[in-house]
Amino acid sequence: MNKEKRTEIFKRFQQANPEPKTELEYSTPFELLAAVLLSAQATDKGVNIATRKLFAVANTPASIAALGVAGVEGYIKTIGLFRSKAKHLVQTAEILRDQHNGEVPADREALESLPGVGRKTANVVLNTAFGQPTMAVDTHIFRISNRTGIAPGKDVLEVEKRLLKLVPQEFMLNAHHWLILHGRYVCKARKPECTRCSIVDLCEFKKKTT
């Protein structure tokens, strides 16, 4: 895919949705970090249902740490892998409380050192909470990057690096949200809805649906 096509794709995304937002509900960087940590192999809707109850009781590193693993489990047991997630969330909260003055660091290395926080989670927090031009590649973005030809790659890290290199800088801050939303609602895994796709004429997927 050439630069002109890629630029036009993101122009259209921007025109349709000038200020895209994550569908996870949060009001602070710590709430976002907690929600993303809980979202692995779970839907944003399911996470939001659980965190509305959890955050009403505990929404800071100190209060989550005080709640403890068993306490957190009680609020998130509707989410898959809730036991390991509760353990990681409490451990992360304790580290933030004890080593970062209760604040979420705006630093990749520090974020990735937290229990349960991998590169994708760190990228989401850096981008969404701190406005850094990162690219969190999930299954949606990996699929779309390869299917459309925007930035094909054999694994998520290769796709991330190619997107950071190829997406025009003026669109980089919001590109991750646009791609996720497009993959979630239009360019779906089993059957992409090409007939209502805003970039169908630019996409290089050969087996378009009719």
Protein backbone atom coordinates (compact mmCIF):
# COMPACT_ATOMS: atom_id res chain seq x y z
CA MET A 1 0.00 0.00 0.00
CA ASN A 2 1.35 3.43 -0.92
CA LYS A 3 1.53 6.52 1.27
CA GLU A 4 -1.33 8.28 -0.52
CA LYS A 5 -3.77 5.44 0.12
CA ARG A 6 -2.72 5.14 3.74
CA THR A 7 -3.12 8.87 4.29
CA GLU A 8 -6.60 8.86 2.74
CA ILE A 9 -7.65 5.94 4.95
CA PHE A 10 -6.82 7.84 8.12
CA LYS A 11 -8.35 11.05 6.76
CA ARG A 12 -11.63 9.20 6.38
CA PHE A 13 -11.39 7.70 9.85
CA GLN A 14 -10.76 11.18 11.23
CA GLN A 15 -13.67 12.74 9.36
CA ALA A 16 -16.05 10.07 10.61
CA ASN A 17 -14.80 10.16 14.21
CA PRO A 18 -12.62 13.22 14.99
CA GLU A 19 -12.05 12.33 18.67
CA PRO A 20 -12.16 8.54 19.11
CA LYS A 21 -12.19 7.20 22.66
CA THR A 22 -11.55 3.88 24.30
CA GLU A 23 -14.73 2.02 25.23
CA LEU A 24 -13.29 1.20 28.65
CA GLU A 25 -14.70 3.48 31.34
CA TYR A 26 -12.16 5.34 33.48
CA SER A 27 -11.54 8.72 35.08
CA THR A 28 -7.86 8.52 36.12
CA PRO A 29 -4.70 6.92 34.72
CA PHE A 30 -4.86 4.27 37.44
CA GLU A 31 -8.47 3.39 36.61
CA LEU A 32 -7.44 3.05 32.95
CA LEU A 33 -4.46 0.86 33.86
CA ALA A 34 -6.67 -1.34 36.03
CA ALA A 35 -9.34 -1.64 33.35
CA VAL A 36 -6.84 -2.55 30.62
CA LEU A 37 -5.16 -5.07 32.90
CA LEU A 38 -8.57 -6.69 33.48
CA SER A 39 -9.55 -6.61 29.80
CA ALA A 40 -7.34 -9.45 28.51
CA GLN A 41 -9.60 -12.13 26.97
CA ALA A 42 -12.65 -10.16 28.10
CA THR A 43 -14.97 -7.64 26.46
CA ASP A 44 -14.85 -3.95 27.30
CA LYS A 45 -18.54 -4.17 28.19
CA GLY A 46 -17.88 -6.96 30.68
CA VAL A 47 -14.95 -5.09 32.21
CA ASN A 48 -17.01 -1.91 32.56
CA ILE A 49 -19.76 -3.77 34.43
CA ALA A 50 -17.19 -5.07 36.93
CA THR A 51 -15.16 -1.87 37.32
CA ARG A 52 -18.22 0.31 37.96
CA LYS A 53 -18.72 -1.67 41.16
CA LEU A 54 -15.02 -2.00 41.99
CA PHE A 55 -14.10 1.65 41.41
CA ALA A 56 -17.02 2.82 43.53
CA VAL A 57 -15.31 1.11 46.47
CA ALA A 58 -11.61 1.30 45.53
CA ASN A 59 -10.05 3.26 42.66
CA THR A 60 -6.56 4.18 43.84
CA PRO A 61 -3.44 2.05 44.34
CA ALA A 62 -3.73 2.42 48.12
CA SER A 63 -7.41 1.43 48.26
CA ILE A 64 -7.00 -1.51 45.86
CA ALA A 65 -4.01 -2.75 47.88
CA ALA A 66 -6.06 -2.41 51.07
CA LEU A 67 -8.94 -4.36 49.52
CA GLY A 68 -6.59 -7.29 48.90
CA VAL A 69 -6.81 -10.13 46.39
CA ALA A 70 -9.90 -11.75 47.90
CA GLY A 71 -11.66 -8.41 48.06
CA VAL A 72 -10.90 -7.56 44.43
CA GLU A 73 -11.98 -11.05 43.32
CA GLY A 74 -15.44 -10.42 44.69
CA TYR A 75 -15.95 -7.52 42.29
CA ILE A 76 -14.38 -9.01 39.14
CA LYS A 77 -15.42 -12.67 39.30
CA THR A 78 -17.63 -12.19 36.21
CA ILE A 79 -14.45 -11.58 34.15
CA GLY A 80 -12.40 -14.43 32.73
CA LEU A 81 -9.16 -15.30 34.55
CA PHE A 82 -10.37 -13.18 37.47
CA ARG A 83 -8.17 -14.86 40.08
CA SER A 84 -4.87 -14.17 38.33
CA LYS A 85 -6.06 -10.69 37.33
CA ALA A 86 -6.99 -9.85 40.92
CA LYS A 87 -3.56 -10.98 42.08
CA HIS A 88 -1.78 -8.91 39.42
CA LEU A 89 -3.93 -5.84 40.07
CA VAL A 90 -3.25 -5.90 43.82
CA GLN A 91 0.49 -6.48 43.26
CA THR A 92 0.57 -3.60 40.77
CA ALA A 93 -1.31 -1.37 43.20
CA GLU A 94 1.18 -2.17 45.98
CA ILE A 95 4.14 -1.30 43.73
CA LEU A 96 2.55 1.98 42.64
CA ARG A 97 1.75 2.84 46.25
CA ASP A 98 5.20 1.97 47.57
CA GLN A 99 7.51 2.93 44.69
CA HIS A 100 5.69 5.58 42.63
CA ASN A 101 3.87 7.68 45.26
CA GLY A 102 0.57 6.20 44.13
CA GLU A 103 0.95 7.54 40.59
CA VAL A 104 0.97 5.66 37.29
CA PRO A 105 4.33 6.29 35.58
CA ALA A 106 4.30 7.70 32.06
CA ASP A 107 7.24 5.47 31.20
CA ARG A 108 7.20 2.24 29.20
CA GLU A 109 9.90 0.43 31.16
CA ALA A 110 8.28 1.22 34.50
CA LEU A 111 4.85 0.17 33.24
CA GLU A 112 6.08 -3.10 31.75
CA SER A 113 7.74 -3.99 35.06
CA LEU A 114 4.32 -4.09 36.75
CA PRO A 115 2.67 -7.53 37.27
CA GLY A 116 0.26 -8.38 34.47
CA VAL A 117 1.27 -5.38 32.37
CA GLY A 118 2.72 -6.27 28.98
CA ARG A 119 3.68 -4.16 26.00
CA LYS A 120 0.12 -3.79 24.70
CA THR A 121 -1.25 -2.63 28.07
CA ALA A 122 1.65 -0.20 28.45
CA ASN A 123 0.98 1.21 24.98
CA VAL A 124 -2.71 1.74 25.74
CA VAL A 125 -1.91 3.63 28.95
CA LEU A 126 0.85 5.72 27.36
CA ASN A 127 -1.42 6.64 24.45
CA THR A 128 -4.78 7.11 26.16
CA ALA A 129 -3.78 8.47 29.56
CA PHE A 130 -0.65 10.40 28.62
CA GLY A 131 -1.15 11.32 24.96
CA GLN A 132 1.94 9.56 23.67
CA PRO A 133 1.91 8.44 20.00
CA THR A 134 2.12 4.71 20.69
CA MET A 135 0.42 1.81 18.92
CA ALA A 136 -1.20 -0.92 21.02
CA VAL A 137 -1.65 -3.85 18.64
CA ASP A 138 -4.47 -6.15 19.68
CA THR A 139 -6.15 -8.87 17.62
CA HIS A 140 -8.29 -6.29 15.78
CA ILE A 141 -5.36 -4.10 14.76
CA PHE A 142 -3.23 -7.11 13.81
CA ARG A 143 -6.03 -8.42 11.61
CA ILE A 144 -6.82 -5.10 9.92
CA SER A 145 -3.18 -4.20 9.32
CA ASN A 146 -2.67 -7.47 7.46
CA ARG A 147 -6.06 -7.73 5.79
CA THR A 148 -6.17 -4.18 4.38
CA GLY A 149 -2.46 -3.95 3.61
CA ILE A 150 -1.97 -0.88 5.82
CA ALA A 151 0.96 -2.45 7.67
CA PRO A 152 1.27 -6.22 7.24
CA GLY A 153 3.48 -8.20 9.60
CA LYS A 154 3.96 -11.74 10.87
CA ASP A 155 3.48 -10.90 14.55
CA VAL A 156 2.14 -8.08 16.72
CA LEU A 157 5.53 -6.48 17.33
CA GLU A 158 6.31 -6.31 13.62
CA VAL A 159 2.88 -4.79 12.93
CA GLU A 160 3.40 -2.27 15.74
CA LYS A 161 6.77 -1.19 14.36
CA ARG A 162 5.43 -0.91 10.82
CA LEU A 163 2.43 1.15 11.93
CA LEU A 164 4.67 3.52 13.89
CA LYS A 165 6.77 3.94 10.76
CA LEU A 166 3.98 4.13 8.17
CA VAL A 167 1.01 5.92 9.75
CA PRO A 168 1.26 9.68 8.96
CA GLN A 169 2.28 11.57 12.09
CA GLU A 170 -0.79 13.82 12.14
CA PHE A 171 -2.96 10.73 12.68
CA MET A 172 -0.71 8.75 15.03
CA LEU A 173 -2.24 9.82 18.33
CA ASN A 174 -5.70 8.48 17.43
CA ALA A 175 -4.77 5.75 14.93
CA HIS A 176 -4.89 2.96 17.51
CA HIS A 177 -8.50 3.83 18.48
CA TRP A 178 -9.69 4.17 14.88
CA LEU A 179 -8.25 0.79 13.92
CA ILE A 180 -9.68 -1.00 16.95
CA LEU A 181 -13.16 0.42 16.42
CA HIS A 182 -13.04 -0.37 12.70
CA GLY A 183 -12.04 -3.95 13.46
CA ARG A 184 -14.63 -4.35 16.19
CA TYR A 185 -17.63 -3.05 14.27
CA VAL A 186 -16.89 -3.18 10.51
CA CYS A 187 -13.85 -5.24 9.50
CA LYS A 188 -14.89 -8.18 11.68
CA ALA A 189 -12.88 -11.37 12.02
CA ARG A 190 -15.23 -13.93 10.49
CA LYS A 191 -16.96 -11.78 7.92
CA PRO A 192 -15.88 -8.21 7.23
CA GLU A 193 -18.81 -5.92 6.39
CA CYS A 194 -17.28 -4.52 3.23
CA THR A 195 -20.58 -3.14 1.92
CA ARG A 196 -20.64 -0.51 4.68
CA CYS A 197 -16.91 0.08 4.95
CA SER A 198 -15.72 3.67 4.50
CA ILE A 199 -12.34 2.57 3.09
CA VAL A 200 -13.49 -0.30 0.85
CA ASP A 201 -12.08 1.35 -2.29
CA LEU A 202 -8.66 1.79 -0.64
CA CYS A 203 -8.41 -1.56 1.12
CA GLU A 204 -6.25 -4.19 -0.62
CA PHE A 205 -8.15 -7.22 0.73
CA LYS A 206 -8.89 -9.37 -2.32
CA LYS A 207 -11.87 -11.36 -0.99
CA LYS A 208 -14.26 -8.50 -0.24
CA THR A 209 -17.76 -9.46 0.85
CA THR A 210 -20.82 -8.36 -1.12
